[in-house]
Protein backbone atom coordinates (compact mmCIF):
# COMPACT_ATOMS: atom_id res chain seq x y z
CA MET A 1 0.10 0.12 0.09
CA SER A 2 1.70 3.59 -0.58
CA TYR A 3 2.25 5.84 1.72
CA PHE A 4 0.21 8.21 0.03
CA SER A 5 -2.63 6.29 -0.18
CA LEU A 6 -5.86 7.60 2.94
CA ALA A 7 -7.63 3.92 2.40
CA ASN A 8 -7.23 1.93 4.76
CA ARG A 9 -6.61 2.88 8.45
CA VAL A 10 -3.21 2.83 9.52
CA PRO A 11 -2.10 2.76 13.53
CA GLU A 12 -0.04 5.65 14.10
CA ILE A 13 3.06 4.67 16.92
CA SER A 14 2.60 4.38 20.40
CA ALA A 15 1.48 7.60 22.45
CA LEU A 16 4.31 7.01 24.50
CA GLU A 17 6.64 10.44 22.97
CA PRO A 18 10.63 10.89 23.89
CA ARG A 19 11.00 13.89 24.62
CA ILE A 20 11.90 15.62 21.27
CA VAL A 21 9.06 14.66 20.54
CA THR A 22 6.96 15.87 23.90
CA ARG A 23 9.04 19.43 23.14
CA LEU A 24 8.05 19.21 19.37
CA TYR A 25 3.94 19.04 20.57
CA GLU A 26 5.03 22.29 22.99
CA LEU A 27 6.67 24.11 19.65
CA THR A 28 3.69 23.15 17.59
CA SER A 29 1.20 24.38 19.79
CA ARG A 30 2.52 27.79 19.90
CA ILE A 31 1.07 27.65 15.98
CA PRO A 32 -1.70 30.37 16.15
CA LEU A 33 -3.82 27.98 14.22
CA VAL A 34 -2.73 25.02 16.34
CA ARG A 35 -4.08 27.57 19.30
CA THR A 36 -7.44 28.48 17.54
CA THR A 37 -8.07 24.12 17.31
CA THR A 38 -7.64 24.08 21.14
CA ARG A 39 -10.33 26.98 21.57
CA ARG A 40 -12.48 25.92 19.08
CA PHE A 41 -12.58 22.48 20.91
CA VAL A 42 -13.32 24.06 24.56
CA ALA A 43 -15.54 25.45 22.21
CA GLY A 44 -17.44 22.65 22.08
CA ALA A 45 -16.26 20.50 25.18
CA LEU A 46 -18.10 23.68 26.42
CA SER A 47 -21.79 22.99 24.63
CA LYS A 48 -22.31 19.92 26.30
CA GLY A 49 -23.46 22.18 29.20
CA VAL A 50 -21.17 21.13 32.21
CA THR A 51 -20.93 24.00 34.06
CA GLN A 52 -18.67 22.64 36.90
CA GLY A 53 -18.26 19.31 38.98
CA CYS A 54 -15.06 17.11 37.35
CA ALA A 55 -14.06 17.21 33.58
CA LEU A 56 -11.56 14.35 32.08
CA ASP A 57 -8.98 15.83 29.74
CA LEU A 58 -8.47 11.93 27.82
CA GLY A 59 -4.32 12.23 26.82
CA THR A 60 -4.07 15.85 27.94
CA GLY A 61 -0.24 16.33 25.87
CA PRO A 62 1.07 19.23 26.98
CA GLY A 63 -2.52 20.30 28.81
CA HIS A 64 -3.40 23.16 26.64
CA VAL A 65 -7.03 22.37 27.03
CA VAL A 66 -6.93 21.50 30.18
CA THR A 67 -5.20 25.42 30.52
CA GLU A 68 -7.99 27.53 27.78
CA LEU A 69 -11.41 25.04 29.87
CA ALA A 70 -10.42 26.08 33.56
CA ARG A 71 -9.93 30.17 32.85
CA ARG A 72 -13.16 29.61 30.82
CA ASN A 73 -15.01 27.80 33.59
CA SER A 74 -13.93 28.61 36.97
CA LYS A 75 -16.35 26.68 38.22
CA LEU A 76 -14.92 22.94 36.78
CA THR A 77 -11.89 21.13 38.47
CA MET A 78 -10.00 19.65 35.93
CA ILE A 79 -8.37 16.89 35.46
CA GLY A 80 -5.49 15.77 32.76
CA LEU A 81 -4.57 12.61 32.07
CA ASP A 82 -1.94 11.41 28.92
CA LEU A 83 -0.11 7.94 29.41
CA ALA A 84 3.80 9.41 28.66
CA ALA A 85 5.48 11.10 31.84
CA ASN A 86 7.40 13.63 29.49
CA MET A 87 3.51 14.75 27.93
CA ILE A 88 2.55 14.93 32.34
CA GLU A 89 5.78 16.93 32.99
CA ARG A 90 5.28 19.59 30.66
CA ALA A 91 1.87 19.81 32.31
CA GLN A 92 2.25 20.19 35.22
CA GLN A 93 5.16 23.20 34.59
CA GLN A 94 2.70 25.20 32.45
CA ALA A 95 0.19 24.83 35.30
CA VAL A 96 2.22 26.07 37.43
CA ARG A 97 2.83 29.07 34.85
CA HIS A 98 -0.78 30.16 34.90
CA ASP A 99 -2.29 29.22 38.22
CA LEU A 100 -3.71 26.32 38.40
CA ASN A 101 -1.93 23.74 40.72
CA GLY A 102 -4.78 24.00 43.24
CA ARG A 103 -7.28 22.61 40.01
CA ALA A 104 -5.24 20.57 37.90
CA PRO A 105 -4.66 17.62 38.99
CA TRP A 106 -2.49 15.34 36.38
CA VAL A 107 -2.19 11.75 35.82
CA GLN A 108 -0.28 9.39 34.39
CA ALA A 109 -2.17 6.35 33.92
CA ASP A 110 -3.84 4.24 30.23
CA GLY A 111 -7.19 5.83 28.50
CA HIS A 112 -7.95 1.82 28.85
CA LEU A 113 -8.19 1.33 31.81
CA LEU A 114 -8.79 4.61 34.13
CA PRO A 115 -8.69 4.94 37.73
CA PHE A 116 -10.77 6.59 38.89
CA ALA A 117 -14.26 5.16 40.59
CA ASP A 118 -17.54 4.44 39.42
CA GLY A 119 -19.58 7.00 38.09
CA ASN A 120 -17.74 9.83 39.25
CA LEU A 121 -17.00 12.08 36.33
CA ASP A 122 -19.37 14.97 34.64
CA LEU A 123 -16.81 15.47 31.88
CA VAL A 124 -14.96 13.48 29.55
CA ILE A 125 -13.41 14.95 26.96
CA SER A 126 -10.18 14.03 24.66
CA SER A 127 -8.75 16.22 21.53
CA PHE A 128 -6.89 14.37 18.74
CA ALA A 129 -6.15 11.62 20.46
CA LEU A 130 -8.11 9.09 19.60
CA HIS A 131 -5.93 7.98 17.15
CA HIS A 132 -3.65 6.63 19.15
CA TRP A 133 -5.82 4.67 21.26
CA GLN A 134 -4.88 0.82 20.58
CA ASP A 135 -8.37 -0.51 21.49
CA PRO A 136 -10.92 2.53 21.03
CA LEU A 137 -13.61 0.66 22.23
CA ALA A 138 -12.12 -0.28 25.43
CA VAL A 139 -11.09 3.23 26.20
CA MET A 140 -14.93 4.51 25.22
CA ASN A 141 -15.99 1.64 27.25
CA GLU A 142 -13.67 3.01 30.64
CA ILE A 143 -15.52 6.32 29.63
CA ALA A 144 -19.22 5.47 30.28
CA ARG A 145 -18.14 3.55 33.25
CA VAL A 146 -16.57 6.52 35.29
CA LEU A 147 -19.01 9.33 33.20
CA ARG A 148 -21.74 10.09 36.23
CA PRO A 149 -24.99 8.05 35.18
CA PRO A 150 -28.41 9.33 34.30
CA ARG A 151 -31.20 9.98 36.10
CA PRO A 152 -34.17 10.08 34.35
CA GLU A 153 -36.73 10.35 36.89
CA SER A 154 -35.20 13.58 37.77
CA GLY A 155 -33.92 14.28 34.02
CA ASP A 156 -30.88 15.07 34.53
CA PRO A 157 -28.46 12.92 31.84
CA GLY A 158 -25.59 12.63 33.75
CA GLY A 159 -22.11 13.13 33.23
CA ARG A 160 -21.02 13.91 29.15
CA TYR A 161 -18.42 13.38 26.69
CA TYR A 162 -16.57 15.05 23.67
CA ILE A 163 -13.80 13.55 21.56
CA ALA A 164 -12.47 15.03 17.90
CA ASP A 165 -10.06 13.74 16.47
CA VAL A 166 -8.68 14.13 12.69
CA CYS A 167 -10.52 12.42 9.68
CA ARG A 168 -9.78 10.45 7.11
CA ASP A 169 -12.47 11.12 5.04
CA VAL A 170 -10.30 14.49 3.34
CA ASN A 171 -10.74 15.21 -0.29
CA ALA A 172 -7.78 15.60 -2.82
CA PHE A 173 -7.76 19.45 -2.20
CA GLN A 174 -7.27 18.92 1.53
CA ARG A 175 -4.84 16.69 1.23
CA LEU A 176 -2.97 19.65 -1.09
CA VAL A 177 -3.61 22.34 1.32
CA ALA A 178 -2.34 19.76 4.14
CA TYR A 179 0.80 19.36 2.46
CA ALA A 180 1.33 22.90 1.64
CA SER A 181 0.89 24.69 5.22
CA ILE A 182 1.68 22.35 7.43
CA PRO A 183 5.75 22.85 7.05
CA ALA A 184 4.85 26.44 6.04
CA PHE A 185 3.25 26.97 9.63
CA SER A 186 5.54 25.06 11.54
CA LEU A 187 9.28 25.77 10.31
CA PRO A 188 8.72 29.61 11.78
CA TYR A 189 7.78 27.62 15.24
CA GLY A 190 11.04 25.02 14.67
CA SER A 191 9.06 22.09 14.30
CA TYR A 192 10.52 20.17 11.65
CA TRP A 193 7.17 17.70 12.62
CA GLY A 194 4.94 18.78 10.47
CA TYR A 195 4.87 16.89 7.31
CA GLY A 196 5.51 13.26 8.74
CA GLY A 197 3.73 12.97 11.58
CA TYR A 198 0.87 15.88 10.47
CA TYR A 199 0.05 13.25 7.86
CA GLU A 200 0.31 10.13 9.93
CA SER A 201 -2.01 11.11 12.78
CA ILE A 202 -4.47 11.00 9.38
CA ARG A 203 -3.94 7.90 8.10
CA ALA A 204 -4.53 7.00 11.52
CA GLY A 205 -7.62 8.65 12.04
CA TYR A 206 -10.94 7.19 11.41
CA THR A 207 -13.63 8.10 9.28
CA LEU A 208 -17.27 9.09 10.32
CA ASP A 209 -18.52 5.62 9.08
CA GLU A 210 -15.53 3.95 11.50
CA ALA A 211 -16.54 6.70 14.43
CA GLN A 212 -20.45 5.91 14.06
CA THR A 213 -19.64 2.20 14.28
CA LEU A 214 -17.43 2.66 17.43
CA LEU A 215 -19.76 4.78 19.21
CA GLU A 216 -22.81 1.98 18.45
CA GLN A 217 -20.73 -0.98 19.75
CA SER A 218 -19.66 1.08 22.72
CA ALA A 219 -21.19 1.76 26.40
CA LEU A 220 -21.26 4.92 25.83
CA ALA A 221 -25.18 6.79 26.44
CA PRO A 222 -26.63 7.13 22.68
CA GLY A 223 -24.83 10.25 20.92
CA GLN A 224 -23.39 11.95 17.35
CA VAL A 225 -20.84 11.42 15.77
CA THR A 226 -20.29 15.05 13.18
CA LEU A 227 -18.02 16.13 10.81
CA ASP A 228 -16.90 19.43 10.61
CA SER A 229 -15.15 20.62 7.15
CA THR A 230 -14.30 24.31 8.24
CA TRP A 231 -11.47 23.43 10.40
CA PHE A 232 -7.96 22.63 8.53
CA VAL A 233 -8.58 18.86 7.59
CA PRO A 234 -11.57 17.11 8.52
CA VAL A 235 -12.68 16.78 12.31
CA LEU A 236 -15.00 14.05 13.54
CA THR A 237 -16.20 14.50 16.79
CA ILE A 238 -18.19 11.76 18.85
CA ALA A 239 -20.48 13.58 21.92
CA SER A 240 -23.21 13.67 23.50
CA ARG A 241 -26.40 14.78 22.33
CA GLY A 242 -27.76 18.17 23.08
CA SER A 243 -26.27 20.16 26.57
CA ALA A 244 -26.94 18.81 29.67
C-alpha cells in the first residue's frame, strides 16, 4: 500500500513520546492555527452544558486544553491524564505558569484502564488522541464507566462526553492544503514535525462511518458523530447529544 493512500487505516506509533517529540508538541502549540484549534475544541466541550463538577481530559498532552477550559470555567475541576511521563511533566510546568495547580491534578495512566471509580466524572473530553488508542472501544467503555450515570426521574442526563480527532475522510484539495500548509506554519516556529507526523495522524484517523460504528458498539450513552469540514482538515466529533 502506498504511503500516501488513505483508503485503509494505518495505526500510528505508540503515544509514549520521547522527550524531543514532547518538545515538538510544545513548539507546535505556539502556532496560531493550533491555538485556534484548541479554543474551538474547548468551545465544543463547553457546549455540552457541564458548568461545574469534575472533568477529565483524556490524552491531555502538554495540557493546553485543560488550561484553556479552566480559564473559561472557574467552577470546573480539571484532571489531565496522559500515558507519557514527559507530557505530564510539561503539563505540570504549564499549570504552574497559569497558577492552576490547585484545580488541575495530572495523572499518568492508560486510558484503557482509567484509575477512577465508577460514575464519578461529570465530563470526559479528548482532543486529537483517538487515533492513538490501541483499542478505542475499550477506552470508550472506560469513559462510560467513569461518567456519572443518568437519572431520568429527575431529568438529569448524567455525565457528558466530547471526543474530537482528525478524520481520514479528506478530499484531494484538503490533502493538498495539508501538504502545503503544515510545513509553512511549523517551520517558522522551529518545528520540523509538521510533515510526516501530521500526515501519519491523518492515516491513523477514523472515517465518519468507522467512528459511528465504534460509538454504537460502545457502552457510551447514545450520542452523535459529526464531521466538521471548516477546520484545517476534516474533524470528526463523537459527543453526547444536546447539552446537560
